[in-house]
Amino acid sequence: MGAESLQYGTMIVGLLGGLAVFLFGMEQMTAGLKAAAGGRMKSLLARMTRNRLRALFAGAFTTAVIQSSTVTTVLAIGFVHSGLMGLPQAIGIVMGASIGTTVTAQIIAFKVTNFALVAIAVGMALHMLAKSELPQRFGTMLLGLGLVFLGMNLMGEAMAPLRDWPPFTEAIASYSMPLLAVLLGAVFTALIQSSSATSGLIIVFAAQGMISLEVALALGLGANLGTTGTALLAAIGKRPEAIQTALAYLVFKLAGVVIWLLLLVPLADFMRWLIVPHPELEGLAKLAAETPRQFASGYMLLNVVNALALVWFTEPLARFVRWLAPGRPGAEPEMVQPKYLDEALLETPALALDRVRMELGHLGERVLKMLGRAPRLVYEGSAEEVAELARLDGDVDDLHVAVIGYLGRLSQRSIDIAQTETLHDYMAAADYFEAIGDVAEMNLGHAARVRLRAGLVVSPATREVLQPLWEKTLWATSQAVRAVASASTEAAEEVVAAKPEIDRLARRAELHLARRLTAPEADRLALYRIETDLVEAAKRVFYFSRRTARRMLEVDMPEGGAEAG
């Protein structure tokens, strides 16, 4: 075939169009899997990490189900960041994630592309006609899988003329630059953030006889390396342990690339010996027929061997990355930025909502810190302490804005009715926590500033009467925070049930203050205003705490919700 007979425009359009269909199908398939199983996979990861092999299995299984090593790795980094998991366990999870990504390559490598239209038709029917959400999600997954196969067919048809073009076949036969292939696979995977999609494309090229098995395996090694980019980005701004988890993932992948580059030819020879489905073929036709299955099996083998060999060295690897990225000496500075919100999880609403729940716990902790200081500031706080209260309120406002913004971006994704209701409940809880912070700063902070300017002193007798009210109010607020952060219906019910006791203590305080109004002491009226501000603030704080608790009783609490660190 001469160069003049190649229709370059048709080939390029067919290749790019097929690639677009393929990548869109991967996105839809992964979205369906994440929506159907994302929340359950988070619970599995949180539970199955008591030893390195269980962590390895949990990472592999989770990634195989949701088809996203990125999500699995981001979850592991988040667990470490929040103190829910140690560094060695997280390393085991990210090692297992590299195994789970090979499942897609095995599926695609089988000759199932002829069923593309069937999968699209069945998937679309489920997506449009199913009454419940779970079949709709599986319909989305099946539709995506069909589009993956259709895209493969389109790309294969577009590239088919190259198989008979001598310059191309000679170039393939003489190509031996595995390092370049690794780099290409890494860059492409980092751009599309899916090693599963990269492995699928490798199989498409292999099925056309366009690449040798050695080049295919080198591209696969590059895909492994490219997945570390998202993990490193997810660790930015996190605790040192989270950064160490991302670095361990990078070191693990780099070690695999170095080892298998040295063993690339023996591995390719072994896979040719193990899988020889078409001995009757020769040349490019034989390469096209055999390489997809050989690559898929070799890609799985190298990732399994990597993980099983290196999982026994999680402790030394943990020590090494701690040396690479040591924690800052001294006490960890307080964080005023979000601790748990990860943009990478927005595509998995169940996991994103769980992170919002944890971030609300972080926001609640900051509010409790303000609230614990505020009454004492009214009695005896200095001007500097009152100014510090205002700074803490600024931190609360910043976290509130971050949570509301994250929920706003999540609401633009495809979420079901139950998730939409949970999103609204979490948004309300964020507003209530922010309102409690405002009460502490605006009402009590203002009362403290008035006391300081006038040089007033709240009597010990009044403090003694107000103390039980504020102790009960602080307890109710802490229970409301626990109801959110730990997904505890018991804590929420306790807050709701506390209303009669709060009302009784407030009436007792108000009666005492009314009697004190006639006491013969200077500035009695000014003191009365400050003291009644304390009572009204306690009642208002409890109002928002109770509203938060009632909202949480309406939320479908996630299974195995872990407390925020």
Protein backbone atom coordinates (compact mmCIF):
# COMPACT_ATOMS: atom_id res chain seq x y z
CA MET A 1 0.00 0.00 0.00
CA GLY A 2 1.46 3.36 -0.99
CA ALA A 3 1.48 6.45 1.11
CA GLU A 4 -0.80 8.14 -1.39
CA SER A 5 -3.53 5.54 -0.78
CA LEU A 6 -3.74 6.32 2.93
CA GLN A 7 -6.66 8.64 3.67
CA TYR A 8 -5.07 10.59 6.52
CA GLY A 9 -8.07 12.82 7.21
CA THR A 10 -10.46 9.87 7.51
CA MET A 11 -8.02 7.99 9.73
CA ILE A 12 -7.45 10.95 12.07
CA VAL A 13 -11.17 11.74 12.38
CA GLY A 14 -11.97 8.07 13.00
CA LEU A 15 -9.20 7.76 15.59
CA LEU A 16 -10.14 10.93 17.48
CA GLY A 17 -13.86 10.18 17.31
CA GLY A 18 -13.32 6.64 18.55
CA LEU A 19 -11.05 7.94 21.31
CA ALA A 20 -13.74 10.41 22.41
CA VAL A 21 -16.38 7.66 22.53
CA PHE A 22 -13.96 5.37 24.38
CA LEU A 23 -13.05 7.96 27.05
CA PHE A 24 -16.67 9.05 27.48
CA GLY A 25 -17.64 5.41 27.92
CA MET A 26 -14.93 4.94 30.56
CA GLU A 27 -16.23 8.02 32.38
CA GLN A 28 -19.83 6.77 32.32
CA MET A 29 -18.88 3.25 33.36
CA THR A 30 -16.80 4.51 36.29
CA ALA A 31 -19.50 7.00 37.32
CA GLY A 32 -22.09 4.21 37.40
CA LEU A 33 -19.84 1.95 39.46
CA LYS A 34 -18.94 4.74 41.88
CA ALA A 35 -22.58 5.71 42.36
CA ALA A 36 -23.65 2.10 42.92
CA ALA A 37 -20.87 1.05 45.26
CA GLY A 38 -18.86 4.09 46.34
CA GLY A 39 -20.26 4.43 49.86
CA ARG A 40 -19.97 0.72 50.62
CA MET A 41 -16.39 0.66 49.39
CA LYS A 42 -15.49 3.47 51.79
CA SER A 43 -16.82 1.37 54.69
CA LEU A 44 -14.82 -1.64 53.49
CA LEU A 45 -11.61 0.36 53.39
CA ALA A 46 -12.20 1.74 56.87
CA ARG A 47 -12.76 -1.74 58.35
CA MET A 48 -10.32 -4.02 56.55
CA THR A 49 -6.99 -2.47 57.42
CA ARG A 50 -5.95 -4.26 60.60
CA ASN A 51 -2.97 -5.91 58.89
CA ARG A 52 -1.05 -5.40 55.67
CA LEU A 53 -2.63 -8.27 53.69
CA ARG A 54 -6.17 -7.19 54.59
CA ALA A 55 -5.27 -3.62 53.60
CA LEU A 56 -3.86 -4.93 50.30
CA PHE A 57 -7.04 -6.90 49.60
CA ALA A 58 -9.26 -3.95 50.57
CA GLY A 59 -7.40 -1.63 48.19
CA ALA A 60 -7.50 -4.15 45.33
CA PHE A 61 -11.17 -5.02 45.78
CA THR A 62 -12.31 -1.42 46.18
CA THR A 63 -10.44 -0.30 43.06
CA ALA A 64 -11.70 -3.29 41.04
CA VAL A 65 -15.29 -2.42 41.94
CA ILE A 66 -15.25 1.36 41.45
CA GLN A 67 -12.53 1.26 38.74
CA SER A 68 -10.64 4.24 40.10
CA SER A 69 -7.31 3.88 41.85
CA THR A 70 -7.39 7.67 42.17
CA VAL A 71 -10.45 7.55 44.43
CA THR A 72 -8.99 4.70 46.49
CA THR A 73 -5.71 6.54 46.96
CA VAL A 74 -7.41 9.83 47.82
CA LEU A 75 -9.52 7.99 50.41
CA ALA A 76 -6.40 6.44 51.96
CA ILE A 77 -4.72 9.87 52.11
CA GLY A 78 -7.85 11.31 53.72
CA PHE A 79 -7.96 8.53 56.32
CA VAL A 80 -4.34 9.19 57.28
CA HIS A 81 -4.90 12.94 57.32
CA SER A 82 -7.86 12.57 59.69
CA GLY A 83 -6.00 10.17 61.99
CA LEU A 84 -8.30 7.23 61.21
CA MET A 85 -5.52 5.07 59.77
CA GLY A 86 -1.79 4.63 60.18
CA LEU A 87 0.73 5.17 57.40
CA PRO A 88 1.65 1.44 56.96
CA GLN A 89 -2.03 0.48 56.53
CA ALA A 90 -2.55 3.25 53.97
CA ILE A 91 0.51 2.06 52.05
CA GLY A 92 -1.04 -1.42 51.91
CA ILE A 93 -4.23 0.06 50.46
CA VAL A 94 -2.49 2.02 47.71
CA MET A 95 -0.45 -1.07 46.80
CA GLY A 96 -3.67 -3.03 46.44
CA ALA A 97 -5.16 -0.29 44.28
CA SER A 98 -2.58 -1.04 41.59
CA ILE A 99 -3.96 -4.59 41.34
CA GLY A 100 -7.57 -3.47 41.05
CA THR A 101 -6.87 -1.32 38.00
CA THR A 102 -5.86 -4.37 35.94
CA VAL A 103 -9.39 -5.82 35.93
CA THR A 104 -10.55 -3.50 33.14
CA ALA A 105 -7.66 -4.60 30.92
CA GLN A 106 -8.63 -8.24 31.40
CA ILE A 107 -12.26 -7.53 30.45
CA ILE A 108 -11.34 -5.47 27.40
CA ALA A 109 -8.71 -7.97 26.22
CA PHE A 110 -11.35 -10.66 25.68
CA LYS A 111 -13.08 -10.50 22.33
CA VAL A 112 -16.28 -8.94 23.63
CA THR A 113 -16.32 -5.80 21.50
CA ASN A 114 -18.87 -7.37 19.19
CA PHE A 115 -21.40 -7.00 22.02
CA ALA A 116 -20.93 -3.22 22.16
CA LEU A 117 -24.34 -2.36 20.71
CA VAL A 118 -26.08 -4.94 22.89
CA ALA A 119 -24.49 -3.45 26.01
CA ILE A 120 -25.45 0.07 24.91
CA ALA A 121 -29.07 -0.95 24.23
CA VAL A 122 -29.51 -2.84 27.52
CA GLY A 123 -27.73 -0.12 29.50
CA MET A 124 -29.84 2.64 27.99
CA ALA A 125 -33.03 0.67 28.65
CA LEU A 126 -32.12 0.19 32.31
CA HIS A 127 -31.10 3.82 32.66
CA MET A 128 -34.33 5.18 31.18
CA LEU A 129 -36.96 2.61 32.19
CA ALA A 130 -35.88 1.32 35.62
CA LYS A 131 -37.99 2.66 38.49
CA SER A 132 -35.38 2.45 41.26
CA GLU A 133 -31.99 4.14 41.34
CA LEU A 134 -29.77 1.06 41.70
CA PRO A 135 -30.79 -0.50 38.34
CA GLN A 136 -30.41 2.95 36.76
CA ARG A 137 -26.84 3.15 38.04
CA PHE A 138 -26.02 -0.29 36.69
CA GLY A 139 -27.61 0.80 33.44
CA THR A 140 -25.21 3.75 33.32
CA MET A 141 -22.31 1.38 33.99
CA LEU A 142 -23.41 -1.02 31.22
CA LEU A 143 -24.00 1.85 28.80
CA GLY A 144 -20.48 3.11 29.52
CA LEU A 145 -19.01 -0.35 28.97
CA GLY A 146 -20.78 -0.59 25.63
CA LEU A 147 -19.42 2.81 24.60
CA VAL A 148 -15.92 1.65 25.57
CA PHE A 149 -16.26 -1.32 23.22
CA LEU A 150 -17.79 0.84 20.48
CA GLY A 151 -14.94 3.34 20.76
CA MET A 152 -12.45 0.47 20.49
CA ASN A 153 -14.15 -0.73 17.32
CA LEU A 154 -14.11 2.76 15.80
CA MET A 155 -10.42 3.29 16.60
CA GLY A 156 -9.56 -0.17 15.29
CA GLU A 157 -11.34 0.43 12.01
CA ALA A 158 -9.69 3.84 11.63
CA MET A 159 -6.19 2.44 12.17
CA ALA A 160 -6.64 -0.78 10.19
CA PRO A 161 -5.08 0.61 6.94
CA LEU A 162 -1.76 1.14 8.75
CA ARG A 163 -1.33 -2.61 9.17
CA ASP A 164 -0.60 -2.96 5.44
CA TRP A 165 1.59 0.13 5.07
CA PRO A 166 5.25 -1.02 4.84
CA PRO A 167 6.88 2.07 6.44
CA PHE A 168 4.68 1.64 9.48
CA THR A 169 5.22 -2.10 9.85
CA GLU A 170 8.98 -1.60 9.51
CA ALA A 171 8.93 1.12 12.19
CA ILE A 172 7.00 -1.14 14.58
CA ALA A 173 9.41 -3.99 13.98
CA SER A 174 12.44 -1.82 14.74
CA TYR A 175 10.98 0.11 17.70
CA SER A 176 12.83 -0.55 20.95
CA MET A 177 12.55 2.50 23.22
CA PRO A 178 10.84 1.31 26.42
CA LEU A 179 11.83 4.41 28.42
CA LEU A 180 10.03 6.64 25.92
CA ALA A 181 7.00 4.35 26.12
CA VAL A 182 7.01 4.60 29.94
CA LEU A 183 7.15 8.39 29.72
CA LEU A 184 4.35 8.52 27.16
CA GLY A 185 2.13 6.22 29.25
CA ALA A 186 2.81 8.27 32.39
CA VAL A 187 2.02 11.63 30.77
CA PHE A 188 -1.15 10.39 29.07
CA THR A 189 -2.43 8.76 32.28
CA ALA A 190 -1.68 11.86 34.34
CA LEU A 191 -3.69 13.93 31.86
CA ILE A 192 -6.77 11.70 31.75
CA GLN A 193 -6.37 10.50 35.38
CA SER A 194 -7.26 6.89 34.57
CA SER A 195 -4.81 4.04 34.20
CA SER A 196 -7.75 1.80 33.29
CA ALA A 197 -8.47 3.98 30.24
CA THR A 198 -4.78 3.93 29.29
CA SER A 199 -4.62 0.13 29.50
CA GLY A 200 -7.74 -0.07 27.35
CA LEU A 201 -6.13 2.12 24.71
CA ILE A 202 -2.97 0.00 24.82
CA ILE A 203 -5.10 -3.03 24.02
CA VAL A 204 -6.73 -1.16 21.13
CA PHE A 205 -3.32 -0.43 19.58
CA ALA A 206 -2.12 -3.97 20.31
CA ALA A 207 -5.19 -5.45 18.63
CA GLN A 208 -4.22 -3.64 15.43
CA GLY A 209 -0.67 -4.94 15.58
CA MET A 210 0.59 -1.39 16.07
CA ILE A 211 2.79 -2.09 19.12
CA SER A 212 4.83 -5.03 20.32
CA LEU A 213 4.24 -6.72 23.66
CA GLU A 214 7.37 -5.10 25.12
CA VAL A 215 6.14 -1.63 24.17
CA ALA A 216 2.65 -2.42 25.49
CA LEU A 217 4.07 -3.49 28.86
CA ALA A 218 6.29 -0.39 29.00
CA LEU A 219 3.25 1.79 28.34
CA GLY A 220 1.48 -0.07 31.16
CA LEU A 221 4.35 0.70 33.51
CA GLY A 222 4.01 4.34 32.52
CA ALA A 223 0.28 4.19 33.26
CA ASN A 224 1.11 2.92 36.75
CA LEU A 225 3.44 5.85 37.28
CA GLY A 226 0.97 8.41 35.89
CA THR A 227 -1.66 7.58 38.51
CA THR A 228 0.56 9.06 41.23
CA GLY A 229 -0.01 12.61 39.99
CA THR A 230 -3.51 12.91 41.42
CA ALA A 231 -2.42 11.37 44.73
CA LEU A 232 0.37 13.93 45.08
CA LEU A 233 -2.03 16.77 44.31
CA ALA A 234 -4.55 15.41 46.83
CA ALA A 235 -1.90 15.49 49.57
CA ILE A 236 -1.08 19.19 49.14
CA GLY A 237 -2.00 21.13 52.27
CA LYS A 238 -2.57 17.97 54.32
CA ARG A 239 -0.82 16.71 57.43
CA PRO A 240 2.71 15.28 56.98
CA GLU A 241 1.32 11.74 57.27
CA ALA A 242 -0.95 12.32 54.25
CA ILE A 243 1.97 13.69 52.22
CA GLN A 244 4.00 10.65 53.26
CA THR A 245 1.22 8.35 51.98
CA ALA A 246 1.31 10.00 48.56
CA LEU A 247 5.12 9.78 48.48
CA ALA A 248 4.96 6.10 49.44
CA TYR A 249 2.63 5.53 46.50
CA LEU A 250 5.11 7.28 44.19
CA VAL A 251 8.09 5.31 45.56
CA PHE A 252 6.17 2.04 45.21
CA LYS A 253 5.31 2.80 41.59
CA LEU A 254 8.83 3.96 40.76
CA ALA A 255 10.28 0.78 42.26
CA GLY A 256 7.95 -1.27 40.08
CA VAL A 257 8.95 0.62 36.94
CA VAL A 258 12.68 0.19 37.60
CA ILE A 259 12.39 -3.53 38.45
CA TRP A 260 10.17 -4.46 35.52
CA LEU A 261 12.06 -2.39 32.97
CA LEU A 262 15.04 -4.62 33.72
CA LEU A 263 12.82 -7.71 33.38
CA LEU A 264 10.72 -6.48 30.46
CA VAL A 265 12.06 -8.89 27.84
CA PRO A 266 11.89 -11.99 30.11
CA LEU A 267 8.34 -11.02 31.13
CA ALA A 268 7.27 -10.60 27.50
CA ASP A 269 8.86 -13.96 26.55
CA PHE A 270 7.11 -15.66 29.46
CA MET A 271 3.71 -14.25 28.44
CA ARG A 272 4.27 -15.39 24.82
CA TRP A 273 5.03 -18.88 26.11
CA LEU A 274 2.05 -18.85 28.46
CA ILE A 275 -0.55 -17.44 26.05
CA VAL A 276 -0.27 -18.63 22.42
CA PRO A 277 -3.87 -18.63 21.14
CA HIS A 278 -3.07 -18.34 17.42
CA PRO A 279 -0.04 -20.45 16.44
CA GLU A 280 -1.38 -20.69 12.89
CA LEU A 281 -0.92 -16.96 12.23
CA GLU A 282 2.24 -15.13 11.26
CA GLY A 283 3.68 -11.60 11.26
CA LEU A 284 1.48 -8.63 12.07
CA ALA A 285 -1.71 -10.71 12.14
CA LYS A 286 -0.21 -12.97 14.83
CA LEU A 287 0.93 -9.91 16.81
CA ALA A 288 -2.55 -8.38 16.64
CA ALA A 289 -4.27 -11.59 17.70
CA GLU A 290 -2.03 -12.49 20.63
CA THR A 291 -0.70 -9.23 22.11
CA PRO A 292 -3.94 -7.96 23.78
CA ARG A 293 -4.37 -11.06 25.96
CA GLN A 294 -0.64 -11.31 26.62
CA PHE A 295 -0.50 -7.66 27.67
CA ALA A 296 -3.56 -7.87 29.92
CA SER A 297 -2.20 -10.94 31.70
CA GLY A 298 1.34 -9.55 31.90
CA TYR A 299 0.05 -6.20 33.20
CA MET A 300 -1.92 -7.98 35.92
CA LEU A 301 1.00 -10.27 36.76
CA LEU A 302 3.53 -7.46 37.21
CA ASN A 303 1.14 -5.47 39.42
CA VAL A 304 0.25 -8.49 41.55
CA VAL A 305 3.92 -9.46 41.97
CA ASN A 306 4.80 -5.84 42.81
CA ALA A 307 2.17 -5.64 45.52
CA LEU A 308 2.75 -9.09 47.03
CA ALA A 309 6.53 -8.59 47.07
CA LEU A 310 6.56 -5.08 48.50
CA VAL A 311 3.63 -5.32 50.94
CA TRP A 312 6.01 -6.99 53.43
CA PHE A 313 8.11 -3.83 53.42
CA THR A 314 5.41 -1.32 54.38
CA GLU A 315 7.12 -0.49 57.67
CA PRO A 316 10.55 0.22 56.09
CA LEU A 317 8.82 2.15 53.30
CA ALA A 318 6.92 4.16 55.92
CA ARG A 319 10.19 4.98 57.70
CA PHE A 320 11.78 5.99 54.37
CA VAL A 321 9.00 8.42 53.39
CA ARG A 322 8.97 9.84 56.92
CA TRP A 323 12.64 10.59 56.37
CA LEU A 324 11.86 12.13 52.96
CA ALA A 325 9.03 14.30 54.32
CA PRO A 326 9.45 14.66 58.09
CA GLY A 327 6.74 16.28 60.16
CA ARG A 328 7.30 19.79 61.41
CA PRO A 329 8.91 19.88 64.87
CA GLY A 330 6.83 20.96 67.80
CA ALA A 331 3.07 21.07 68.06
CA GLU A 332 1.04 20.80 64.89
CA PRO A 333 -0.33 24.25 64.07
CA GLU A 334 -4.08 24.58 64.09
CA MET A 335 -5.61 24.26 60.67
CA VAL A 336 -7.95 26.96 59.45
CA GLN A 337 -8.37 25.42 56.02
CA PRO A 338 -10.63 22.43 55.30
CA LYS A 339 -9.18 19.13 56.48
CA TYR A 340 -11.34 16.63 54.62
CA LEU A 341 -12.75 18.16 51.43
CA ASP A 342 -11.19 16.62 48.32
CA GLU A 343 -12.13 17.83 44.85
CA ALA A 344 -11.24 14.42 43.39
CA LEU A 345 -14.16 12.84 45.31
CA LEU A 346 -16.82 15.11 43.82
CA GLU A 347 -17.33 12.53 41.06
CA THR A 348 -18.27 10.00 43.76
CA PRO A 349 -21.14 11.71 45.64
CA ALA A 350 -21.45 9.10 48.40
CA LEU A 351 -17.80 9.57 49.33
CA ALA A 352 -17.93 13.35 48.91
CA LEU A 353 -20.91 13.60 51.26
CA ASP A 354 -19.07 11.50 53.81
CA ARG A 355 -16.15 13.92 53.65
CA VAL A 356 -18.56 16.83 54.13
CA ARG A 357 -19.88 15.12 57.25
CA MET A 358 -16.33 14.87 58.59
CA GLU A 359 -15.61 18.50 57.68
CA LEU A 360 -18.74 19.56 59.53
CA GLY A 361 -17.24 17.84 62.57
CA HIS A 362 -14.10 19.95 62.06
CA LEU A 363 -16.25 23.09 61.78
CA GLY A 364 -18.17 22.07 64.92
CA GLU A 365 -14.93 21.65 66.87
CA ARG A 366 -13.95 25.24 66.05
CA VAL A 367 -17.39 26.45 67.15
CA LEU A 368 -17.11 24.53 70.43
CA LYS A 369 -13.73 26.11 71.05
CA MET A 370 -15.31 29.56 70.67
CA LEU A 371 -18.29 28.67 72.79
CA GLY A 372 -16.19 27.25 75.61
CA ARG A 373 -14.34 30.57 75.95
CA ALA A 374 -17.18 33.03 75.46
CA PRO A 375 -18.99 33.01 78.87
CA ARG A 376 -15.73 33.43 80.80
CA LEU A 377 -14.80 36.35 78.54
CA VAL A 378 -18.03 38.07 79.52
CA TYR A 379 -17.13 37.70 83.20
CA GLU A 380 -13.42 38.50 83.21
CA GLY A 381 -11.81 38.30 79.75
CA SER A 382 -9.21 40.81 78.56
CA ALA A 383 -9.43 42.89 75.41
CA GLU A 384 -6.83 40.61 73.78
CA GLU A 385 -8.93 37.54 74.53
CA VAL A 386 -12.03 39.17 73.08
CA ALA A 387 -10.06 40.00 69.92
CA GLU A 388 -8.95 36.36 69.73
CA LEU A 389 -12.62 35.31 69.85
CA ALA A 390 -13.27 37.47 66.79
CA ARG A 391 -10.34 35.80 64.99
CA LEU A 392 -11.75 32.37 65.79
CA ASP A 393 -15.09 33.47 64.36
CA GLY A 394 -13.26 34.42 61.16
CA ASP A 395 -11.89 30.86 60.98
CA VAL A 396 -15.40 29.47 61.44
CA ASP A 397 -16.68 31.72 58.67
CA ASP A 398 -13.89 30.56 56.33
CA LEU A 399 -14.65 26.88 56.97
CA HIS A 400 -18.37 27.56 56.50
CA VAL A 401 -17.71 29.14 53.11
CA ALA A 402 -15.53 26.16 52.11
CA VAL A 403 -18.20 23.62 53.07
CA ILE A 404 -21.03 25.51 51.34
CA GLY A 405 -18.89 25.97 48.21
CA TYR A 406 -18.01 22.27 48.12
CA LEU A 407 -21.67 21.29 48.54
CA GLY A 408 -22.58 23.71 45.77
CA ARG A 409 -20.13 22.05 43.39
CA LEU A 410 -21.37 18.63 44.45
CA SER A 411 -24.98 19.64 43.75
CA GLN A 412 -24.01 20.16 40.10
CA ARG A 413 -23.05 16.50 39.79
CA SER A 414 -25.46 13.66 39.09
CA ILE A 415 -26.79 12.78 42.56
CA ASP A 416 -29.88 10.84 43.54
CA ILE A 417 -32.84 12.04 45.61
CA ALA A 418 -31.54 10.69 48.93
CA GLN A 419 -28.13 12.29 48.36
CA THR A 420 -29.81 15.58 47.46
CA GLU A 421 -31.72 15.54 50.75
CA THR A 422 -28.56 14.73 52.69
CA LEU A 423 -26.75 17.55 50.90
CA HIS A 424 -29.45 20.02 51.97
CA ASP A 425 -29.33 18.74 55.57
CA TYR A 426 -25.55 19.15 55.67
CA MET A 427 -25.85 22.63 54.21
CA ALA A 428 -28.32 23.53 56.96
CA ALA A 429 -26.00 22.06 59.62
CA ALA A 430 -23.13 24.21 58.30
CA ASP A 431 -25.37 27.29 58.51
CA TYR A 432 -26.42 26.44 62.08
CA PHE A 433 -22.82 25.96 63.23
CA GLU A 434 -21.84 29.26 61.64
CA ALA A 435 -24.79 30.94 63.38
CA ILE A 436 -23.63 29.58 66.77
CA GLY A 437 -20.22 31.10 66.10
CA ASP A 438 -21.89 34.42 65.34
CA VAL A 439 -23.80 34.27 68.64
CA ALA A 440 -20.54 33.68 70.51
CA GLU A 441 -18.71 36.53 68.80
CA MET A 442 -21.43 39.12 68.20
CA ASN A 443 -23.60 38.69 71.30
CA LEU A 444 -21.15 37.50 73.94
CA GLY A 445 -18.16 39.30 72.45
CA HIS A 446 -20.19 42.50 72.45
CA ALA A 447 -21.24 41.94 76.08
CA ALA A 448 -17.58 41.42 77.05
CA ARG A 449 -16.54 44.65 75.33
CA VAL A 450 -19.32 46.57 77.14
CA ARG A 451 -18.15 45.14 80.49
CA LEU A 452 -14.55 46.13 79.75
CA ARG A 453 -15.45 49.70 78.77
CA ALA A 454 -17.66 50.24 81.81
CA GLY A 455 -15.45 48.35 84.26
CA LEU A 456 -18.37 46.18 85.44
CA VAL A 457 -18.15 43.02 87.55
CA VAL A 458 -20.65 40.13 87.32
CA SER A 459 -21.41 38.89 90.86
CA PRO A 460 -20.35 35.37 91.96
CA ALA A 461 -23.99 34.57 92.80
CA THR A 462 -25.10 35.35 89.23
CA ARG A 463 -22.24 33.31 87.78
CA GLU A 464 -23.30 30.36 89.95
CA VAL A 465 -26.86 30.54 88.61
CA LEU A 466 -25.78 30.91 84.99
CA GLN A 467 -23.17 28.12 85.17
CA PRO A 468 -25.60 25.14 84.96
CA LEU A 469 -27.39 26.71 81.98
CA TRP A 470 -24.17 27.18 80.06
CA GLU A 471 -22.82 23.76 80.99
CA LYS A 472 -25.99 22.15 79.63
CA THR A 473 -25.87 24.35 76.52
CA LEU A 474 -22.26 23.43 75.82
CA TRP A 475 -23.07 19.74 76.34
CA ALA A 476 -26.01 19.98 73.90
CA THR A 477 -23.85 21.70 71.29
CA SER A 478 -21.08 19.11 71.63
CA GLN A 479 -23.69 16.36 71.22
CA ALA A 480 -25.02 18.09 68.11
CA VAL A 481 -21.50 18.18 66.68
CA ARG A 482 -21.08 14.48 67.51
CA ALA A 483 -24.43 13.73 65.86
CA VAL A 484 -23.01 15.15 62.62
CA ALA A 485 -19.37 14.07 62.77
CA SER A 486 -20.03 10.51 64.01
CA ALA A 487 -23.39 10.01 62.29
CA SER A 488 -24.88 9.34 65.74
CA THR A 489 -28.67 9.25 65.97
CA GLU A 490 -28.33 8.63 69.72
CA ALA A 491 -26.51 11.95 70.21
CA ALA A 492 -29.08 13.76 68.05
CA GLU A 493 -31.96 12.33 70.08
CA GLU A 494 -30.29 13.40 73.34
CA VAL A 495 -30.06 17.00 72.11
CA VAL A 496 -33.71 17.08 71.07
CA ALA A 497 -34.74 15.61 74.43
CA ALA A 498 -32.76 18.24 76.36
CA LYS A 499 -35.20 21.09 75.62
CA PRO A 500 -37.25 20.85 78.87
CA GLU A 501 -34.07 20.95 80.98
CA ILE A 502 -32.67 23.93 79.03
CA ASP A 503 -36.00 25.76 79.42
CA ARG A 504 -36.04 25.06 83.16
CA LEU A 505 -32.49 26.32 83.67
CA ALA A 506 -33.18 29.43 81.55
CA ARG A 507 -36.33 30.27 83.56
CA ARG A 508 -34.39 29.83 86.81
CA ALA A 509 -31.67 32.20 85.59
CA GLU A 510 -34.19 34.76 84.35
CA LEU A 511 -36.02 34.70 87.70
CA HIS A 512 -32.74 35.25 89.55
CA LEU A 513 -31.83 38.18 87.30
CA ALA A 514 -35.26 39.74 87.75
CA ARG A 515 -34.83 39.63 91.52
CA ARG A 516 -31.33 41.07 91.25
CA LEU A 517 -32.64 44.01 89.20
CA THR A 518 -33.78 45.72 92.41
CA ALA A 519 -30.51 45.13 94.25
CA PRO A 520 -28.97 48.32 95.67
CA GLU A 521 -25.70 48.38 93.72
CA ALA A 522 -24.16 50.72 91.20
CA ASP A 523 -24.62 50.05 87.46
CA ARG A 524 -27.29 47.41 88.20
CA LEU A 525 -29.18 48.12 84.92
CA ALA A 526 -26.04 47.87 82.79
CA LEU A 527 -25.10 44.60 84.50
CA TYR A 528 -28.65 43.29 84.01
CA ARG A 529 -28.33 43.81 80.26
CA ILE A 530 -25.04 41.89 80.14
CA GLU A 531 -26.41 39.05 82.29
CA THR A 532 -29.60 38.72 80.25
CA ASP A 533 -27.44 38.67 77.10
CA LEU A 534 -25.79 35.54 78.53
CA VAL A 535 -29.16 33.86 79.07
CA GLU A 536 -30.49 34.81 75.64
CA ALA A 537 -27.26 33.66 73.99
CA ALA A 538 -27.51 30.26 75.70
CA LYS A 539 -31.11 29.86 74.54
CA ARG A 540 -30.20 30.86 70.98
CA VAL A 541 -27.20 28.51 70.87
CA PHE A 542 -29.40 25.64 72.01
CA TYR A 543 -31.97 26.56 69.36
CA PHE A 544 -29.38 26.10 66.61
CA SER A 545 -27.97 22.94 68.24
CA ARG A 546 -31.44 21.43 68.41
CA ARG A 547 -32.18 22.36 64.80
CA THR A 548 -28.92 20.65 63.80
CA ALA A 549 -29.86 17.51 65.73
CA ARG A 550 -33.32 17.37 64.17
CA ARG A 551 -31.78 17.68 60.71
CA MET A 552 -29.39 14.81 61.45
CA LEU A 553 -32.30 12.59 62.46
CA GLU A 554 -33.58 13.05 58.90
CA VAL A 555 -30.24 12.06 57.30
CA ASP A 556 -29.68 8.53 55.99
CA MET A 557 -26.54 8.00 58.09
CA PRO A 558 -23.67 6.29 56.23
CA GLU A 559 -22.67 2.80 57.28
CA GLY A 560 -19.63 2.63 59.50
CA GLY A 561 -19.27 6.38 59.76
CA ALA A 562 -15.97 7.18 61.36
CA GLU A 563 -15.53 10.03 63.72
CA ALA A 564 -13.68 13.02 62.50
CA GLY A 565 -10.21 13.31 63.84
